[in-house]
Amino acid sequence: MLELAVVMNAQGVVEEWTPPAVEFFGFSAEEAVGKSLGDLIVPEALRPYHDMGFKRYVQTRQAHCVGFVVEIEALHKDGRLVPIEMKILPTEASEDLLFQAHIRRLTPES
C-alpha cells in the first residue's frame, strides 16, 4: 500500500510533489508544482465540490472535509481512476496557511 503526502498553499496549489506522488499519479514534480491539486487528481465532476470546500475552510476555518478521511477515485495522468483515501490537514507555517494531503491507495487488500 503506497502512502504519500502532497503540500498545497491556501489556494490549493501544489507546492511540494514527492517522488511517491510521481509514482502514484504519473505527473512529474515539474508538471504538478504550481498547479491546483483539484485540477490534477480530482475527477472533473467533483472539482466544484473540492474547490468550494477548500475555499470555505480557508475563509471560515469550518471543516466539512478538511481534517476528515474521505474515499474518492482520483485521476491518474493517463486518465484512469484510482481509488484513494485522502485526509487534508491544515498547517500554519509562519504567516502562511499550508495544507498536507495525506493519500493512501485503496486496494482490495487495504
Protein backbone atom coordinates (compact mmCIF):
# COMPACT_ATOMS: atom_id res chain seq x y z
CA MET A 1 0.00 0.00 0.00
CA LEU A 2 1.58 3.27 -1.15
CA GLU A 3 1.22 6.29 1.10
CA LEU A 4 2.26 9.80 0.21
CA ALA A 5 1.86 13.43 1.15
CA VAL A 6 1.44 16.49 -1.04
CA VAL A 7 1.79 20.09 0.22
CA MET A 8 -0.56 22.82 -1.04
CA ASN A 9 -0.98 26.51 -0.30
CA ALA A 10 -4.22 28.25 0.73
CA GLN A 11 -5.32 28.40 -2.92
CA GLY A 12 -4.97 24.62 -3.29
CA VAL A 13 -1.88 24.98 -5.47
CA VAL A 14 0.73 22.25 -5.13
CA GLU A 15 3.96 23.46 -3.52
CA GLU A 16 5.58 20.08 -2.90
CA TRP A 17 5.10 16.94 -5.00
CA THR A 18 7.01 13.99 -3.61
CA PRO A 19 8.57 11.06 -5.51
CA PRO A 20 5.79 8.71 -4.28
CA ALA A 21 3.25 11.16 -5.77
CA VAL A 22 5.10 10.98 -9.09
CA GLU A 23 4.97 7.18 -8.95
CA PHE A 24 1.32 7.06 -7.91
CA PHE A 25 -0.26 9.74 -10.13
CA GLY A 26 2.17 9.83 -13.08
CA PHE A 27 2.75 13.60 -13.01
CA SER A 28 6.35 14.76 -12.62
CA ALA A 29 7.13 17.36 -9.96
CA GLU A 30 7.60 19.89 -12.77
CA GLU A 31 4.09 19.14 -14.08
CA ALA A 32 2.42 19.26 -10.65
CA VAL A 33 4.08 22.08 -8.69
CA GLY A 34 2.25 25.32 -9.35
CA LYS A 35 -0.97 23.57 -10.42
CA SER A 36 -4.19 23.10 -8.45
CA LEU A 37 -4.33 19.68 -6.78
CA GLY A 38 -8.01 19.56 -7.72
CA ASP A 39 -7.21 20.09 -11.40
CA LEU A 40 -4.59 17.35 -11.28
CA ILE A 41 -6.28 14.49 -9.44
CA VAL A 42 -9.93 15.29 -8.68
CA PRO A 43 -12.37 13.99 -11.32
CA GLU A 44 -13.99 16.85 -13.23
CA ALA A 45 -17.48 16.19 -11.83
CA LEU A 46 -16.18 16.54 -8.25
CA ARG A 47 -13.94 19.59 -8.74
CA PRO A 48 -16.59 22.21 -7.89
CA TYR A 49 -17.22 20.46 -4.55
CA HIS A 50 -13.50 20.17 -3.85
CA ASP A 51 -12.91 23.83 -4.69
CA MET A 52 -15.93 25.04 -2.71
CA GLY A 53 -14.98 23.06 0.40
CA PHE A 54 -11.39 24.22 0.21
CA LYS A 55 -12.36 27.89 -0.15
CA ARG A 56 -14.92 27.58 2.66
CA TYR A 57 -12.28 26.22 5.02
CA VAL A 58 -9.77 28.97 4.14
CA GLN A 59 -12.40 31.68 4.73
CA THR A 60 -14.14 30.30 7.83
CA ARG A 61 -11.89 27.56 9.24
CA GLN A 62 -15.02 25.40 9.34
CA ALA A 63 -14.27 21.94 8.07
CA HIS A 64 -16.60 19.73 6.10
CA CYS A 65 -13.86 17.62 4.54
CA VAL A 66 -10.62 19.19 5.79
CA GLY A 67 -9.37 17.07 8.67
CA PHE A 68 -11.53 14.10 7.73
CA VAL A 69 -10.67 10.94 5.82
CA VAL A 70 -12.51 10.76 2.51
CA GLU A 71 -12.52 7.98 -0.04
CA ILE A 72 -12.62 9.05 -3.67
CA GLU A 73 -11.49 7.90 -7.06
CA ALA A 74 -8.61 10.11 -8.11
CA LEU A 75 -7.33 10.75 -11.61
CA HIS A 76 -4.04 9.34 -12.81
CA LYS A 77 -2.21 11.26 -15.53
CA ASP A 78 -3.23 8.59 -18.04
CA GLY A 79 -6.92 9.25 -17.29
CA ARG A 80 -7.73 6.14 -15.29
CA LEU A 81 -9.42 6.40 -11.92
CA VAL A 82 -7.64 5.03 -8.87
CA PRO A 83 -9.37 4.54 -5.51
CA ILE A 84 -7.71 6.52 -2.72
CA GLU A 85 -8.21 7.55 0.85
CA MET A 86 -7.27 11.19 1.45
CA LYS A 87 -7.05 13.37 4.53
CA ILE A 88 -6.23 17.06 4.09
CA LEU A 89 -4.70 18.66 7.17
CA PRO A 90 -4.02 22.39 7.65
CA THR A 91 -0.68 23.59 8.98
CA GLU A 92 0.15 27.14 9.95
CA ALA A 93 3.66 27.73 8.64
CA SER A 94 4.83 31.17 9.74
CA GLU A 95 2.19 33.52 8.31
CA ASP A 96 1.09 31.16 5.55
CA LEU A 97 -1.66 28.58 5.70
CA LEU A 98 -0.50 25.36 4.08
CA PHE A 99 -2.19 22.00 3.70
CA GLN A 100 -0.85 18.49 3.59
CA ALA A 101 -2.87 15.95 1.65
CA HIS A 102 -2.12 12.51 3.06
CA ILE A 103 -3.05 9.97 0.41
CA ARG A 104 -3.24 6.21 0.55
CA ARG A 105 -4.04 3.90 -2.32
CA LEU A 106 -7.05 1.71 -1.65
CA THR A 107 -6.78 -1.79 -2.97
CA PRO A 108 -8.82 -4.90 -2.29
CA GLU A 109 -6.19 -5.82 0.31
CA SER A 110 -6.30 -2.47 2.21
